[in-house]
Amino acid sequence: MLASSAQQSAPQAIPEDVFPTLLSVLAAVILGGIIIYFVRNWARRTDDTSPGFTLGDLRELRDSGEITEQEFKAARNAMISQVRKQSSPTDDGGSLGDRGRTS
């Protein structure tokens, strides 16, 4: 009787097919995380690409004689204004000092 009660209270063994299943689930989770990481980085990189035509390219065209000094200045000014427009914060009509005040 003592032997039968000892068998009932002993912990049951984990089936052997559980470990491969757990390992495959863990591998799938890790692989999914890696895929998400690379997709997010790829999506961010496409937004932060440099322009296809740079100021250095304009200088080379001017120096080689393919464009005049006036064309260079006009293109340079257009590029600078475009960069300023993209980098300036959106203007909501108020300055930082005016926020939070009610008139």
N, C-alpha and C. Protein backbone atom coordinates (compact mmCIF):
# COMPACT_ATOMS: atom_id res chain seq x y z
N MET A 1 0.81 -1.18 0.00
CA MET A 1 0.00 0.00 0.00
C MET A 1 0.86 1.25 0.00
N LEU A 2 1.92 1.23 0.71
CA LEU A 2 2.84 2.35 0.74
C LEU A 2 3.49 2.55 -0.62
N ALA A 3 3.79 1.48 -1.31
CA ALA A 3 4.42 1.56 -2.63
C ALA A 3 3.46 2.15 -3.65
N SER A 4 2.19 1.83 -3.57
CA SER A 4 1.23 2.36 -4.53
C SER A 4 0.99 3.84 -4.31
N SER A 5 1.02 4.32 -3.08
CA SER A 5 0.83 5.75 -2.84
C SER A 5 2.06 6.54 -3.26
N ALA A 6 3.24 5.94 -3.21
CA ALA A 6 4.45 6.61 -3.65
C ALA A 6 4.45 6.78 -5.16
N GLN A 7 3.91 5.83 -5.88
CA GLN A 7 3.84 5.94 -7.33
C GLN A 7 2.86 7.03 -7.75
N GLN A 8 1.80 7.18 -7.01
CA GLN A 8 0.80 8.18 -7.37
C GLN A 8 1.31 9.60 -7.11
N SER A 9 2.14 9.81 -6.11
CA SER A 9 2.61 11.16 -5.79
C SER A 9 3.87 11.55 -6.56
N ALA A 10 4.49 10.63 -7.26
CA ALA A 10 5.69 10.94 -8.04
C ALA A 10 5.32 11.81 -9.23
N PRO A 11 6.18 12.77 -9.56
CA PRO A 11 5.86 13.63 -10.71
C PRO A 11 5.86 12.82 -12.00
N GLN A 12 4.96 13.21 -12.88
CA GLN A 12 4.86 12.50 -14.15
C GLN A 12 5.92 13.02 -15.11
N ALA A 13 6.44 12.16 -15.92
CA ALA A 13 7.47 12.52 -16.89
C ALA A 13 6.84 13.32 -18.04
N ILE A 14 7.60 14.26 -18.56
CA ILE A 14 7.14 15.05 -19.70
C ILE A 14 7.32 14.20 -20.94
N PRO A 15 6.31 14.14 -21.79
CA PRO A 15 6.44 13.35 -23.01
C PRO A 15 7.59 13.86 -23.87
N GLU A 16 8.24 12.95 -24.56
CA GLU A 16 9.42 13.30 -25.35
C GLU A 16 9.11 14.20 -26.53
N ASP A 17 7.91 14.18 -27.05
CA ASP A 17 7.59 14.99 -28.23
C ASP A 17 7.28 16.45 -27.89
N VAL A 18 7.31 16.83 -26.61
CA VAL A 18 7.05 18.21 -26.23
C VAL A 18 8.27 19.09 -26.54
N PHE A 19 9.47 18.61 -26.32
CA PHE A 19 10.67 19.41 -26.53
C PHE A 19 10.85 19.84 -27.99
N PRO A 20 10.70 18.97 -28.96
CA PRO A 20 10.82 19.45 -30.35
C PRO A 20 9.74 20.48 -30.70
N THR A 21 8.56 20.32 -30.16
CA THR A 21 7.49 21.28 -30.42
C THR A 21 7.83 22.63 -29.80
N LEU A 22 8.31 22.62 -28.56
CA LEU A 22 8.70 23.87 -27.91
C LEU A 22 9.86 24.55 -28.64
N LEU A 23 10.82 23.77 -29.08
CA LEU A 23 11.94 24.34 -29.82
C LEU A 23 11.50 24.94 -31.14
N SER A 24 10.57 24.30 -31.82
CA SER A 24 10.10 24.85 -33.09
C SER A 24 9.29 26.13 -32.87
N VAL A 25 8.51 26.20 -31.80
CA VAL A 25 7.77 27.42 -31.49
C VAL A 25 8.74 28.54 -31.14
N LEU A 26 9.74 28.24 -30.33
CA LEU A 26 10.74 29.24 -29.97
C LEU A 26 11.49 29.73 -31.21
N ALA A 27 11.86 28.83 -32.09
CA ALA A 27 12.55 29.22 -33.33
C ALA A 27 11.65 30.11 -34.19
N ALA A 28 10.36 29.80 -34.26
CA ALA A 28 9.43 30.60 -35.06
C ALA A 28 9.29 32.00 -34.48
N VAL A 29 9.26 32.11 -33.15
CA VAL A 29 9.15 33.42 -32.51
C VAL A 29 10.41 34.24 -32.77
N ILE A 30 11.56 33.64 -32.64
CA ILE A 30 12.82 34.35 -32.88
C ILE A 30 12.92 34.77 -34.35
N LEU A 31 12.59 33.88 -35.25
CA LEU A 31 12.63 34.20 -36.68
C LEU A 31 11.65 35.32 -37.02
N GLY A 32 10.46 35.27 -36.44
CA GLY A 32 9.48 36.34 -36.66
C GLY A 32 9.99 37.68 -36.16
N GLY A 33 10.64 37.69 -35.01
CA GLY A 33 11.20 38.93 -34.47
C GLY A 33 12.29 39.49 -35.36
N ILE A 34 13.13 38.62 -35.89
CA ILE A 34 14.19 39.06 -36.80
C ILE A 34 13.59 39.64 -38.08
N ILE A 35 12.58 39.00 -38.61
CA ILE A 35 11.94 39.49 -39.83
C ILE A 35 11.31 40.86 -39.58
N ILE A 36 10.63 41.02 -38.46
CA ILE A 36 10.00 42.31 -38.13
C ILE A 36 11.06 43.40 -37.99
N TYR A 37 12.18 43.07 -37.35
CA TYR A 37 13.27 44.03 -37.17
C TYR A 37 13.78 44.53 -38.53
N PHE A 38 14.05 43.61 -39.45
CA PHE A 38 14.58 44.01 -40.75
C PHE A 38 13.55 44.75 -41.59
N VAL A 39 12.30 44.37 -41.51
CA VAL A 39 11.26 45.07 -42.28
C VAL A 39 11.10 46.50 -41.76
N ARG A 40 11.11 46.69 -40.45
CA ARG A 40 10.99 48.03 -39.89
C ARG A 40 12.18 48.90 -40.28
N ASN A 41 13.39 48.35 -40.24
CA ASN A 41 14.57 49.11 -40.65
C ASN A 41 14.51 49.46 -42.13
N TRP A 42 14.04 48.52 -42.95
CA TRP A 42 13.92 48.79 -44.38
C TRP A 42 12.90 49.91 -44.63
N ALA A 43 11.79 49.88 -43.90
CA ALA A 43 10.76 50.91 -44.09
C ALA A 43 11.27 52.28 -43.66
N ARG A 44 12.04 52.35 -42.62
CA ARG A 44 12.59 53.63 -42.18
C ARG A 44 13.65 54.13 -43.16
N ARG A 45 14.44 53.22 -43.69
CA ARG A 45 15.51 53.60 -44.60
C ARG A 45 14.95 54.21 -45.88
N THR A 46 13.84 53.73 -46.37
CA THR A 46 13.29 54.27 -47.60
C THR A 46 12.80 55.69 -47.41
N ASP A 47 12.44 56.09 -46.19
CA ASP A 47 12.01 57.46 -45.94
C ASP A 47 13.19 58.41 -45.80
N ASP A 48 14.34 57.91 -45.38
CA ASP A 48 15.48 58.75 -45.08
C ASP A 48 16.54 58.74 -46.17
N THR A 49 16.17 58.42 -47.38
CA THR A 49 17.16 58.35 -48.44
C THR A 49 17.62 59.75 -48.82
N SER A 50 18.86 59.85 -49.24
CA SER A 50 19.40 61.13 -49.67
C SER A 50 18.87 61.45 -51.07
N PRO A 51 18.89 62.72 -51.42
CA PRO A 51 18.37 63.08 -52.74
C PRO A 51 19.24 62.47 -53.84
N GLY A 52 18.65 62.22 -54.98
CA GLY A 52 19.38 61.63 -56.08
C GLY A 52 20.35 62.59 -56.72
N PHE A 53 20.10 63.88 -56.58
CA PHE A 53 20.94 64.91 -57.19
C PHE A 53 21.42 65.82 -56.08
N THR A 54 22.72 65.93 -55.91
CA THR A 54 23.26 66.68 -54.78
C THR A 54 23.89 67.98 -55.24
N LEU A 55 24.23 68.80 -54.26
CA LEU A 55 24.91 70.05 -54.55
C LEU A 55 26.28 69.80 -55.16
N GLY A 56 26.91 68.72 -54.74
CA GLY A 56 28.19 68.34 -55.35
C GLY A 56 28.05 68.03 -56.83
N ASP A 57 26.94 67.37 -57.18
CA ASP A 57 26.68 67.08 -58.59
C ASP A 57 26.54 68.39 -59.39
N LEU A 58 25.85 69.36 -58.79
CA LEU A 58 25.70 70.66 -59.46
C LEU A 58 27.06 71.33 -59.66
N ARG A 59 27.90 71.26 -58.64
CA ARG A 59 29.23 71.86 -58.76
C ARG A 59 30.03 71.21 -59.89
N GLU A 60 29.94 69.90 -59.98
CA GLU A 60 30.64 69.20 -61.05
C GLU A 60 30.14 69.63 -62.42
N LEU A 61 28.82 69.78 -62.56
CA LEU A 61 28.26 70.23 -63.83
C LEU A 61 28.75 71.64 -64.16
N ARG A 62 28.80 72.51 -63.16
CA ARG A 62 29.28 73.87 -63.38
C ARG A 62 30.76 73.88 -63.76
N ASP A 63 31.54 73.10 -63.00
CA ASP A 63 32.98 73.08 -63.25
C ASP A 63 33.32 72.48 -64.61
N SER A 64 32.51 71.55 -65.09
CA SER A 64 32.77 70.93 -66.39
C SER A 64 32.23 71.77 -67.55
N GLY A 65 31.46 72.82 -67.23
CA GLY A 65 30.94 73.70 -68.26
C GLY A 65 29.60 73.26 -68.82
N GLU A 66 28.99 72.25 -68.23
CA GLU A 66 27.70 71.78 -68.74
C GLU A 66 26.55 72.72 -68.37
N ILE A 67 26.70 73.47 -67.28
CA ILE A 67 25.72 74.49 -66.92
C ILE A 67 26.47 75.78 -66.61
N THR A 68 25.77 76.90 -66.75
CA THR A 68 26.39 78.20 -66.50
C THR A 68 26.34 78.50 -65.00
N GLU A 69 27.05 79.57 -64.64
CA GLU A 69 27.07 80.00 -63.23
C GLU A 69 25.67 80.43 -62.79
N GLN A 70 24.92 81.07 -63.68
CA GLN A 70 23.55 81.48 -63.35
C GLN A 70 22.65 80.27 -63.13
N GLU A 71 22.79 79.26 -63.98
CA GLU A 71 21.99 78.04 -63.81
C GLU A 71 22.36 77.32 -62.51
N PHE A 72 23.65 77.34 -62.19
CA PHE A 72 24.11 76.73 -60.95
C PHE A 72 23.49 77.42 -59.75
N LYS A 73 23.53 78.76 -59.74
CA LYS A 73 22.98 79.52 -58.61
C LYS A 73 21.47 79.30 -58.47
N ALA A 74 20.77 79.26 -59.59
CA ALA A 74 19.32 79.05 -59.54
C ALA A 74 18.99 77.66 -59.00
N ALA A 75 19.71 76.65 -59.47
CA ALA A 75 19.47 75.29 -59.01
C ALA A 75 19.86 75.13 -57.55
N ARG A 76 20.97 75.76 -57.15
CA ARG A 76 21.42 75.70 -55.76
C ARG A 76 20.38 76.34 -54.84
N ASN A 77 19.88 77.50 -55.21
CA ASN A 77 18.87 78.18 -54.39
C ASN A 77 17.59 77.36 -54.29
N ALA A 78 17.22 76.72 -55.39
CA ALA A 78 16.02 75.86 -55.36
C ALA A 78 16.23 74.66 -54.43
N MET A 79 17.41 74.08 -54.47
CA MET A 79 17.71 72.94 -53.59
C MET A 79 17.70 73.37 -52.12
N ILE A 80 18.30 74.52 -51.86
CA ILE A 80 18.36 75.01 -50.47
C ILE A 80 16.97 75.31 -49.95
N SER A 81 16.14 75.94 -50.75
CA SER A 81 14.79 76.25 -50.29
C SER A 81 13.98 74.98 -50.07
N GLN A 82 14.19 73.96 -50.90
CA GLN A 82 13.48 72.69 -50.73
C GLN A 82 13.90 72.01 -49.42
N VAL A 83 15.20 72.04 -49.12
CA VAL A 83 15.69 71.43 -47.88
C VAL A 83 15.14 72.19 -46.67
N ARG A 84 15.14 73.50 -46.76
CA ARG A 84 14.60 74.30 -45.65
C ARG A 84 13.12 74.01 -45.44
N LYS A 85 12.39 73.86 -46.54
CA LYS A 85 10.95 73.58 -46.43
C LYS A 85 10.71 72.22 -45.77
N GLN A 86 11.53 71.23 -46.12
CA GLN A 86 11.36 69.90 -45.55
C GLN A 86 11.79 69.83 -44.10
N SER A 87 12.80 70.63 -43.70
CA SER A 87 13.32 70.53 -42.35
C SER A 87 12.64 71.47 -41.37
N SER A 88 11.89 72.44 -41.84
CA SER A 88 11.24 73.37 -40.92
C SER A 88 10.02 72.71 -40.30
N PRO A 89 9.78 72.97 -39.00
CA PRO A 89 8.60 72.40 -38.34
C PRO A 89 7.35 73.05 -38.89
N THR A 90 6.26 72.34 -38.78
CA THR A 90 5.00 72.89 -39.26
C THR A 90 4.59 74.05 -38.37
N ASP A 91 4.14 75.10 -38.98
CA ASP A 91 3.76 76.30 -38.25
C ASP A 91 2.28 76.22 -37.93
N ASP A 92 1.96 76.22 -36.65
CA ASP A 92 0.55 76.14 -36.25
C ASP A 92 0.01 77.50 -35.86
N GLY A 93 0.74 78.56 -36.17
CA GLY A 93 0.24 79.89 -35.90
C GLY A 93 0.69 80.45 -34.58
N GLY A 94 1.35 79.72 -33.75
CA GLY A 94 1.79 80.21 -32.45
C GLY A 94 3.22 79.83 -32.19
N SER A 95 3.84 80.55 -31.30
CA SER A 95 5.20 80.20 -30.94
C SER A 95 5.19 79.31 -29.72
N LEU A 96 6.35 78.79 -29.39
CA LEU A 96 6.43 77.90 -28.23
C LEU A 96 6.08 78.63 -26.95
N GLY A 97 6.40 79.92 -26.86
CA GLY A 97 6.10 80.68 -25.65
C GLY A 97 4.62 80.93 -25.46
N ASP A 98 3.85 80.89 -26.54
CA ASP A 98 2.42 81.17 -26.46
C ASP A 98 1.59 79.95 -26.13
N ARG A 99 2.15 78.79 -26.18
CA ARG A 99 1.38 77.58 -25.94
C ARG A 99 0.97 77.48 -24.49
N GLY A 100 -0.23 77.06 -24.27
CA GLY A 100 -0.71 76.85 -22.91
C GLY A 100 -1.36 78.10 -22.32
N ARG A 101 -1.18 79.25 -22.98
CA ARG A 101 -1.81 80.48 -22.49
C ARG A 101 -3.17 80.64 -23.13
N THR A 102 -4.08 81.13 -22.38
CA THR A 102 -5.41 81.43 -22.94
C THR A 102 -5.59 82.92 -22.92
N SER A 103 -6.14 83.48 -24.00
CA SER A 103 -6.35 84.93 -24.03
C SER A 103 -7.80 85.24 -24.00
